[in-house]
Protein backbone atom coordinates (compact mmCIF):
# COMPACT_ATOMS: atom_id res chain seq x y z
CA UNK A 1 99.47 105.55 96.46
CA UNK A 2 99.89 107.02 93.04
CA UNK A 3 98.41 110.48 92.54
CA UNK A 4 97.80 112.08 88.96
CA UNK A 5 97.63 115.77 88.56
CA UNK A 6 95.50 116.88 85.80
CA UNK A 7 95.66 120.61 84.25
CA UNK A 8 92.39 121.71 83.66
CA UNK A 9 94.42 124.93 81.07
CA UNK A 10 96.04 122.35 79.35
CA UNK A 11 93.73 119.20 78.82
CA UNK A 12 96.54 116.64 80.08
CA UNK A 13 97.06 114.64 83.15
CA UNK A 14 100.17 113.57 84.57
CA UNK A 15 102.14 111.13 86.87
CA UNK A 16 104.32 112.09 90.19
CA UNK A 17 107.41 113.14 88.86
CA UNK A 18 106.55 114.58 85.60
CA UNK A 19 108.39 117.79 84.97
CA UNK A 20 105.52 119.72 84.04
CA UNK A 21 105.39 122.88 86.68
CA UNK A 22 101.69 124.00 85.75
CA UNK A 23 99.91 126.89 88.65
CA UNK A 24 98.25 125.14 91.94
CA UNK A 25 94.91 127.27 90.96
CA UNK A 26 95.39 125.25 88.00
CA UNK A 27 95.51 121.58 88.84
CA UNK A 28 92.40 119.19 90.12
CA UNK A 29 93.79 115.57 91.40
CA UNK A 30 92.71 111.45 90.42
CA UNK A 31 93.60 108.51 91.96
CA UNK A 32 93.21 106.55 89.01
CA UNK A 33 94.13 107.55 85.29
CA UNK A 34 90.36 106.41 83.55
CA UNK A 35 89.08 108.86 86.22
CA UNK A 36 91.11 111.43 84.89
CA UNK A 37 90.42 110.43 80.90
CA UNK A 38 86.46 109.95 82.39
CA UNK A 39 86.65 113.53 83.01
CA UNK A 40 88.28 114.76 79.70
CA UNK A 41 91.58 114.78 80.07
CA UNK A 42 94.65 112.58 78.00
CA UNK A 43 97.92 111.62 79.38
CA UNK A 44 100.65 113.50 79.16
CA UNK A 45 103.34 112.52 76.15
CA UNK A 46 106.62 113.70 78.39
CA UNK A 47 105.77 110.85 81.59
CA UNK A 48 103.22 108.50 79.83
CA UNK A 49 101.27 108.09 82.67
CA UNK A 50 99.90 104.79 81.39
CA UNK A 51 103.22 103.05 81.49
CA UNK A 52 103.27 102.14 84.86
CA UNK A 53 101.14 100.60 87.57
CA UNK A 54 98.38 102.31 88.88
CA UNK A 55 96.92 100.12 92.26
CA UNK A 56 93.36 100.70 93.43
CA UNK A 57 93.92 102.82 96.90
CA UNK A 58 93.56 100.47 100.21
CA UNK A 59 90.80 102.41 101.61
CA UNK A 60 88.63 101.90 98.18
CA UNK A 61 85.57 99.13 100.03
CA UNK A 62 86.61 95.65 99.58
CA UNK A 63 83.35 94.85 97.35
CA UNK A 64 85.01 97.79 95.14
CA UNK A 65 88.58 95.81 95.02
CA UNK A 66 87.23 92.45 94.20
CA UNK A 67 84.82 94.55 91.03
CA UNK A 68 88.24 95.94 89.90
CA UNK A 69 89.79 92.22 90.22
CA UNK A 70 86.82 90.67 87.72
CA UNK A 71 86.66 93.55 85.23
CA UNK A 72 90.37 92.81 84.99
CA UNK A 73 89.75 89.79 84.71
CA UNK A 74 88.00 90.31 81.94
CA UNK A 75 84.34 90.19 83.33
CA UNK A 76 83.07 93.64 80.95
CA UNK A 77 85.13 92.22 78.01
CA UNK A 78 82.16 90.93 76.60
CA UNK A 79 79.72 90.96 79.17
CA UNK A 80 78.11 94.45 80.59
CA UNK A 81 77.53 96.44 84.20
CA UNK A 82 74.33 94.10 85.04
CA UNK A 83 75.97 90.62 84.95
CA UNK A 84 78.48 92.27 86.93
CA UNK A 85 76.64 93.73 89.60
CA UNK A 86 74.38 90.68 90.20
CA UNK A 87 78.18 88.48 90.88
CA UNK A 88 78.41 91.02 93.33
CA UNK A 89 74.87 91.30 94.24
CA UNK A 90 74.13 94.65 93.18
CA UNK A 91 71.88 96.86 90.94
CA UNK A 92 73.94 97.95 87.68
CA UNK A 93 73.14 101.71 89.27
CA UNK A 94 74.09 100.81 92.06
CA UNK A 95 77.32 99.72 91.04
CA UNK A 96 78.01 102.74 89.08
CA UNK A 97 77.00 104.69 91.90
CA UNK A 98 80.18 103.05 94.27
CA UNK A 99 82.56 102.93 91.46
CA UNK A 100 81.70 106.66 90.76
CA UNK A 101 81.22 107.80 94.51
CA UNK A 102 85.47 105.72 95.60
CA UNK A 103 87.22 105.36 91.65
CA UNK A 104 85.99 108.44 90.19
CA UNK A 105 84.90 106.22 87.02
CA UNK A 106 82.18 103.71 86.17
CA UNK A 107 83.11 100.31 86.14
CA UNK A 108 82.63 100.27 81.60
CA UNK A 109 84.63 103.46 82.15
CA UNK A 110 87.53 101.84 84.35
CA UNK A 111 87.47 98.40 81.31
CA UNK A 112 87.83 100.40 79.05
CA UNK A 113 91.09 103.00 80.04
CA UNK A 114 92.45 99.53 81.10
CA UNK A 115 92.47 97.72 77.16
CA UNK A 116 93.51 101.65 76.12
CA UNK A 117 96.51 101.99 78.30
CA UNK A 118 97.19 98.02 77.68
CA UNK A 119 97.18 98.61 73.71
CA UNK A 120 99.63 101.42 74.22
CA UNK A 121 101.95 100.17 75.74
CA UNK A 122 102.17 96.92 73.05
CA UNK A 123 101.61 99.44 70.43
CA UNK A 124 105.47 100.77 71.76
CA UNK A 125 106.80 97.96 73.13
CA UNK A 126 105.98 95.27 70.44
CA UNK A 127 105.61 95.18 66.65
CA UNK A 128 102.68 93.47 66.90
CA UNK A 129 99.42 94.83 63.90
CA UNK A 130 97.25 96.90 65.18
CA UNK A 131 94.27 94.28 64.37
CA UNK A 132 96.79 92.14 66.70
CA UNK A 133 97.25 94.68 69.15
CA UNK A 134 93.56 95.11 69.26
CA UNK A 135 92.63 92.00 70.05
CA UNK A 136 95.62 90.95 72.30
CA UNK A 137 94.24 93.99 74.23
CA UNK A 138 90.67 92.90 74.59
CA UNK A 139 88.49 94.68 71.69
CA UNK A 140 85.86 92.84 69.88
CA UNK A 141 87.16 94.36 66.99
CA UNK A 142 89.11 96.53 64.88
CA UNK A 143 86.52 99.16 64.63
CA UNK A 144 86.11 99.45 68.58
CA UNK A 145 89.85 99.90 68.47
CA UNK A 146 90.33 102.58 66.91
CA UNK A 147 87.39 104.60 68.57
CA UNK A 148 88.56 104.12 72.17
CA UNK A 149 91.36 104.58 71.14
CA UNK A 150 90.67 107.70 69.65
CA UNK A 151 88.88 108.74 73.01
CA UNK A 152 91.61 107.96 75.39
CA UNK A 153 94.15 109.49 73.36
CA UNK A 154 92.34 111.85 71.12
CA UNK A 155 95.10 109.76 68.45
CA UNK A 156 94.94 106.37 65.87
CA UNK A 157 96.68 103.22 66.56
CA UNK A 158 98.99 104.11 63.38
CA UNK A 159 100.08 108.15 65.05
CA UNK A 160 100.46 106.69 68.27
CA UNK A 161 103.16 103.77 66.67
CA UNK A 162 104.88 106.97 65.24
CA UNK A 163 105.51 108.57 68.29
CA UNK A 164 107.09 106.01 70.10
CA UNK A 165 110.42 106.50 71.35
CA UNK A 166 113.62 104.05 69.57
CA UNK A 167 113.83 102.84 73.46
CA UNK A 168 110.48 101.64 73.48
CA UNK A 169 110.61 98.50 70.99
CA UNK A 170 111.70 95.48 72.69
CA UNK A 171 113.07 92.94 70.65
CA UNK A 172 112.86 89.19 72.21
CA UNK A 173 114.84 85.89 70.34
CA UNK A 174 112.16 83.76 70.16
CA UNK A 175 108.63 85.48 71.45
CA UNK A 176 107.07 88.18 72.59
CA UNK A 177 108.73 90.50 75.46
CA UNK A 178 107.05 93.44 77.57
CA UNK A 179 107.23 95.17 80.45
CA UNK A 180 105.29 94.43 83.72
CA UNK A 181 105.07 97.78 85.46
CA UNK A 182 104.75 98.53 89.13
CA UNK A 183 105.38 101.02 91.93
CA UNK A 184 109.03 101.08 92.86
CA UNK A 185 110.26 99.17 94.98
CA UNK A 186 110.10 94.95 94.29
CA UNK A 187 111.80 92.71 96.09
CA UNK A 188 112.58 90.65 93.39
CA UNK A 189 114.56 88.00 95.65
CA UNK A 190 112.01 87.46 98.37
CA UNK A 191 109.35 86.68 95.83
CA UNK A 192 111.57 84.63 93.84
CA UNK A 193 112.08 82.40 97.22
CA UNK A 194 108.73 82.19 98.04
CA UNK A 195 107.78 80.90 94.09
CA UNK A 196 110.60 78.47 94.15
CA UNK A 197 109.21 77.20 97.47
CA UNK A 198 105.76 76.45 95.68
CA UNK A 199 106.71 75.63 92.28
CA UNK A 200 105.32 72.49 91.34
CA UNK A 201 108.31 70.57 89.14
CA UNK A 202 107.28 69.90 85.13
CA UNK A 203 104.86 72.81 85.53
CA UNK A 204 106.96 75.99 87.10
CA UNK A 205 110.51 76.01 87.43
CA UNK A 206 113.00 79.52 89.54
CA UNK A 207 116.90 79.13 87.72
CA UNK A 208 119.44 81.50 87.87
CA UNK A 209 116.92 84.52 88.64
CA UNK A 210 113.65 83.75 86.18
CA UNK A 211 111.09 82.72 86.50
CA UNK A 212 108.73 80.29 84.34
CA UNK A 213 105.30 78.19 83.75
CA UNK A 214 103.19 76.78 81.34
CA UNK A 215 99.75 77.88 80.57
CA UNK A 216 97.06 76.46 78.60
CA UNK A 217 94.92 79.11 76.68
CA UNK A 218 91.86 77.41 74.83
CA UNK A 219 93.36 73.94 75.31
CA UNK A 220 96.75 75.05 73.64
CA UNK A 221 99.81 75.55 75.22
CA UNK A 222 102.21 78.55 75.69
CA UNK A 223 105.26 79.15 78.13
CA UNK A 224 105.37 82.66 80.14
CA UNK A 225 109.13 83.62 81.44
CA UNK A 226 109.59 87.17 84.01
CA UNK A 227 112.91 88.52 85.22
CA UNK A 228 114.13 91.33 86.53
CA UNK A 229 114.04 94.24 84.75
CA UNK A 230 114.40 98.21 85.50
CA UNK A 231 113.57 99.57 88.46
CA UNK A 232 109.69 100.04 88.14
CA UNK A 233 109.13 96.56 85.47
CA UNK A 234 109.30 93.99 85.56
CA UNK A 235 110.08 91.86 81.77
CA UNK A 236 108.03 89.21 80.12
CA UNK A 237 108.58 87.20 77.73
CA UNK A 238 105.49 84.92 76.25
CA UNK A 239 105.37 82.18 73.98
CA UNK A 240 101.59 81.79 73.16
CA UNK A 241 99.91 79.93 70.36
CA UNK A 242 98.13 83.58 69.47
CA UNK A 243 97.54 87.14 70.90
CA UNK A 244 93.48 86.64 71.04
CA UNK A 245 93.06 87.70 74.79
CA UNK A 246 96.46 88.47 75.40
CA UNK A 247 95.43 91.31 78.15
CA UNK A 248 93.96 89.20 80.50
CA UNK A 249 97.10 86.70 79.98
CA UNK A 250 99.60 89.92 81.11
CA UNK A 251 97.61 90.86 83.81
CA UNK A 252 97.27 87.02 85.33
CA UNK A 253 101.70 86.87 85.35
CA UNK A 254 101.63 90.10 87.16
CA UNK A 255 99.21 88.94 89.69
CA UNK A 256 101.73 85.99 90.97
CA UNK A 257 104.33 88.91 91.64
CA UNK A 258 101.90 91.94 93.05
CA UNK A 259 102.76 94.28 90.26
CA UNK A 260 99.53 96.29 91.09
CA UNK A 261 99.90 96.26 93.89
CA UNK A 262 99.72 99.20 96.79
CA UNK A 263 102.57 98.19 99.40
CA UNK A 264 103.14 101.93 100.85
CA UNK A 265 100.23 101.86 103.00
CA UNK A 266 101.12 98.16 104.77
CA UNK A 267 104.60 99.29 105.61
CA UNK A 268 103.66 102.84 106.91
CA UNK A 269 101.42 101.18 109.12
CA UNK A 270 103.37 98.29 110.23
CA UNK A 271 107.16 99.76 109.95
CA UNK A 272 107.25 100.57 114.07
CA UNK A 273 106.00 96.92 114.66
CA UNK A 274 108.23 94.89 116.72
CA UNK A 275 108.33 92.25 114.59
CA UNK A 276 107.11 93.03 111.09
CA UNK A 277 108.73 96.97 111.33
CA UNK A 278 112.39 94.57 110.60
CA UNK A 279 111.44 92.84 107.83
CA UNK A 280 109.69 95.32 106.62
CA UNK A 281 113.65 97.67 106.19
CA UNK A 282 115.29 93.76 105.52
CA UNK A 283 112.38 93.31 102.87
CA UNK A 284 111.22 96.73 101.53
CA UNK A 285 108.79 96.50 98.26
CA UNK A 286 107.94 92.58 98.93
CA UNK A 287 104.52 91.86 98.01
CA UNK A 288 102.08 88.81 98.78
CA UNK A 289 102.27 86.77 96.25
CA UNK A 290 99.71 85.90 93.88
CA UNK A 291 98.78 82.85 91.36
CA UNK A 292 98.09 81.81 87.86
CA UNK A 293 96.07 79.03 88.91
CA UNK A 294 93.43 79.46 91.99
CA UNK A 295 93.13 75.38 91.77
CA UNK A 296 96.43 74.44 91.66
CA UNK A 297 97.75 76.54 94.66
CA UNK A 298 94.26 75.02 96.29
CA UNK A 299 95.25 71.98 95.68
CA UNK A 300 98.33 72.85 97.02
CA UNK A 301 97.15 74.35 100.25
CA UNK A 302 94.94 71.14 100.38
CA UNK A 303 98.15 68.59 100.50
CA UNK A 304 100.35 71.00 102.65
CA UNK A 305 97.27 69.76 105.45
CA UNK A 306 99.13 65.87 105.66
CA UNK A 307 102.74 66.61 104.52
CA UNK A 308 106.12 68.99 104.44
CA UNK A 309 106.96 71.42 101.66
CA UNK A 310 109.04 68.86 100.12
CA UNK A 311 106.85 66.31 99.61
CA UNK A 312 104.23 68.19 98.37
CA UNK A 313 106.11 69.53 95.58
CA UNK A 314 106.62 65.94 94.74
CA UNK A 315 102.96 65.21 95.00
CA UNK A 316 101.96 68.04 92.71
CA UNK A 317 104.69 66.77 90.22
CA UNK A 318 103.18 63.16 90.03
CA UNK A 319 99.30 64.17 90.14
CA UNK A 320 100.66 67.42 86.63
CA UNK A 321 101.85 63.61 85.10
CA UNK A 322 99.18 61.63 85.43
CA UNK A 323 96.61 64.07 84.96
CA UNK A 324 98.55 67.27 83.26
CA UNK A 325 98.79 68.03 79.43
CA UNK A 326 101.84 66.91 78.15
CA UNK A 327 103.57 70.08 76.72
CA UNK A 328 106.58 69.08 74.50
CA UNK A 329 109.19 71.13 73.16
CA UNK A 330 109.45 73.95 75.39
CA UNK A 331 112.47 73.01 77.78
CA UNK A 332 113.34 73.95 80.99
CA UNK A 333 112.40 71.17 82.56
CA UNK A 334 108.58 72.21 81.64
CA UNK A 335 106.69 68.91 80.76
CA UNK A 336 103.10 69.57 81.44
CA UNK A 337 99.89 71.62 82.08
CA UNK A 338 98.76 71.16 85.94
CA UNK A 339 95.11 69.83 85.36
CA UNK A 340 92.04 71.36 85.80
CA UNK A 341 89.60 70.72 88.85
CA UNK A 342 87.49 68.63 86.41
CA UNK A 343 90.92 66.32 85.35
CA UNK A 344 91.09 66.04 88.81
CA UNK A 345 87.97 65.10 90.31
CA UNK A 346 88.18 62.14 87.63
CA UNK A 347 92.06 61.24 87.92
CA UNK A 348 92.75 57.87 90.35
CA UNK A 349 94.55 59.87 93.36
CA UNK A 350 96.19 57.68 95.15
CA UNK A 351 97.61 55.85 91.79
CA UNK A 352 99.35 59.18 91.85
CA UNK A 353 101.07 58.20 95.29
CA UNK A 354 98.79 60.01 97.72
CA UNK A 355 97.13 58.14 101.44
CA UNK A 356 93.56 57.91 100.86
CA UNK A 357 92.60 60.60 103.16
CA UNK A 358 94.48 63.57 101.17
CA UNK A 359 93.90 61.63 98.25
CA UNK A 360 89.40 62.30 99.60
CA UNK A 361 90.29 65.78 100.14
CA UNK A 362 91.56 66.70 97.43
CA UNK A 363 89.51 65.07 95.48
CA UNK A 364 86.77 67.04 97.56
CA UNK A 365 88.16 70.21 96.42
CA UNK A 366 87.71 69.18 92.74
CA UNK A 367 84.55 68.35 92.78
CA UNK A 368 83.42 71.27 94.51
CA UNK A 369 85.63 73.88 91.56
CA UNK A 370 84.24 71.69 89.40
CA UNK A 371 81.12 72.36 90.18
CA UNK A 372 80.89 76.08 91.39
CA UNK A 373 83.17 78.16 88.95
CA UNK A 374 82.81 81.04 91.28
CA UNK A 375 83.72 79.56 94.33
CA UNK A 376 87.93 81.02 93.38
CA UNK A 377 87.61 83.11 91.01
CA UNK A 378 88.38 86.11 93.36
CA UNK A 379 84.35 87.69 94.15
CA UNK A 380 83.63 86.36 97.36
CA UNK A 381 84.61 88.61 100.73
CA UNK A 382 87.04 86.78 102.61
CA UNK A 383 84.24 86.57 105.24
CA UNK A 384 82.38 84.25 102.63
CA UNK A 385 85.21 82.73 100.86
CA UNK A 386 86.76 80.93 104.38
CA UNK A 387 83.30 79.06 104.92
CA UNK A 388 82.85 78.22 101.40
CA UNK A 389 86.01 76.57 101.37
CA UNK A 390 85.87 75.29 105.02
CA UNK A 391 82.29 73.64 104.23
CA UNK A 392 84.27 71.37 101.69
CA UNK A 393 85.04 68.04 103.26
CA UNK A 394 89.07 67.52 104.78
CA UNK A 395 89.45 71.42 103.93
CA UNK A 396 90.63 73.16 107.41
CA UNK A 397 90.34 76.50 108.35
CA UNK A 398 94.11 76.88 107.93
CA UNK A 399 94.02 76.20 104.32
CA UNK A 400 91.10 77.87 103.60
CA UNK A 401 92.76 81.11 105.43
CA UNK A 402 96.22 79.65 102.71
CA UNK A 403 94.03 79.49 99.80
CA UNK A 404 92.66 83.38 100.95
CA UNK A 405 96.22 84.53 101.05
CA UNK A 406 96.94 83.11 97.48
CA UNK A 407 93.88 84.89 96.15
CA UNK A 408 94.73 88.23 97.56
CA UNK A 409 92.53 88.80 100.20
CA UNK A 410 94.57 91.04 102.57
CA UNK A 411 94.10 89.66 105.25
CA UNK A 412 94.18 86.56 104.69
CA UNK A 413 96.48 84.72 107.48
CA UNK A 414 96.68 81.14 108.20
CA UNK A 415 95.86 79.81 111.88
CA UNK A 416 100.13 77.99 111.46
CA UNK A 417 101.81 81.47 111.39
CA UNK A 418 98.94 82.67 113.85
CA UNK A 419 100.00 79.79 116.63
CA UNK A 420 103.57 81.37 116.45
CA UNK A 421 102.55 84.73 117.44
CA UNK A 422 100.00 86.60 120.59
CA UNK A 423 96.46 87.11 119.20
CA UNK A 424 97.27 90.85 120.46
CA UNK A 425 100.26 90.87 117.71
CA UNK A 426 98.46 89.33 114.95
CA UNK A 427 95.20 91.70 115.44
CA UNK A 428 97.45 94.76 115.86
CA UNK A 429 98.38 93.92 111.57
CA UNK A 430 95.09 93.88 110.88
CA UNK A 431 93.88 94.41 107.76
CA UNK A 432 97.88 93.51 106.74
CA UNK A 433 97.87 90.07 108.14
CA UNK A 434 98.35 88.77 104.25
CA UNK A 435 101.04 90.84 104.13
CA UNK A 436 102.52 90.39 107.78
CA UNK A 437 102.10 86.40 106.72
CA UNK A 438 104.66 86.57 103.62
CA UNK A 439 106.86 88.65 105.36
CA UNK A 440 107.48 86.04 108.36
CA UNK A 441 107.55 83.46 105.45
CA UNK A 442 110.04 84.76 102.98
CA UNK A 443 111.78 84.93 106.96
CA UNK A 444 111.41 81.42 107.55
CA UNK A 445 112.77 80.34 104.32
CA UNK A 446 115.33 83.08 104.55
CA UNK A 447 116.22 81.19 108.14
CA UNK A 448 116.54 77.86 106.53
CA UNK A 449 118.48 78.08 103.49
CA UNK A 450 121.17 80.72 105.51
């Protein structure tokens, strides 16, 4: 877990490794930049903590982790803490108390800090206008943007842009390029191998070390490309129809690669395990892959109940071809958007090439997701999500666990993986079973391709 050091005599906070050497008695520590800012400190101009990933501590209660994920997804962009609390069955007062107790910051303060930090990165990395940066970062108006940037950084957006370093600016031959920071290391080859094995032809591709996928923004198509960058960041190139709400595009693509994840506690806890320990040593920094579209990965998981991976990829490609919106002219073999649950629910799935049983299960899943937009939104606890998915006709507990793993539940563990190991060994991997399952999956892929 990253710990930020704030110096009371200067009013500045720094990330680990900064060259500043204050007296110990003048230093306060915070686990989140937002907490330091809420206590009146501003970011160091030397180490620039807003440019690095700031994961949530591993010992934070699961309820708060879910709340943070909902905030990252935009729950407080146009809504209130009361609405967020209602989604989690908490009063606004209790929600704020929990945030303050465990994170040192209120939900609104965390949301404001994330927007401001993202905007600062855009001011550094890109040549977007100030107005475009404001709306790309989730601010409701330029006035709100200017006010919050002054609160967080004590300077206007134009002043902040004038301070950027020559090496900050990224120039792309088409599209907008920016950094996806992470706490190193990150095992890029292992992540790419998992994503390649599950990539939906026509929608996603992995080629020459670059992950690409089509996305939909308010019904219009875009293309995202991610490749390795430096030791502490990936590089994202976005080709989008507009920049409004870019912060949520970047957060979602970042979740696929776990850039905000802190894997150090899991690696430390399982380093001596006879099964997982050697896998960690071979692939340090491997992250649990997330998902761009929750329904997309859920559909994949359901179809894997009835067919092996290569066949499922063909079925997913056929589904996208028949029901997905065409995307002309993007190239790289990408031609479709993956269809929504609402569209799949009314698609002739037998006509796509599915036999009766998987077609019934996939249609039932699509109907359930279309009827309840909170089912896969990441706001449910694992203990609630698995039974809810299991209640969908044709969805097994193993499939529910597969879906939960990709949605970010750290202790999700598919039963098929359990069958290959003794119950005692699997129990010893709690609460990091999703991390263990990911290492096992990558090791299996490596053995197949060796």
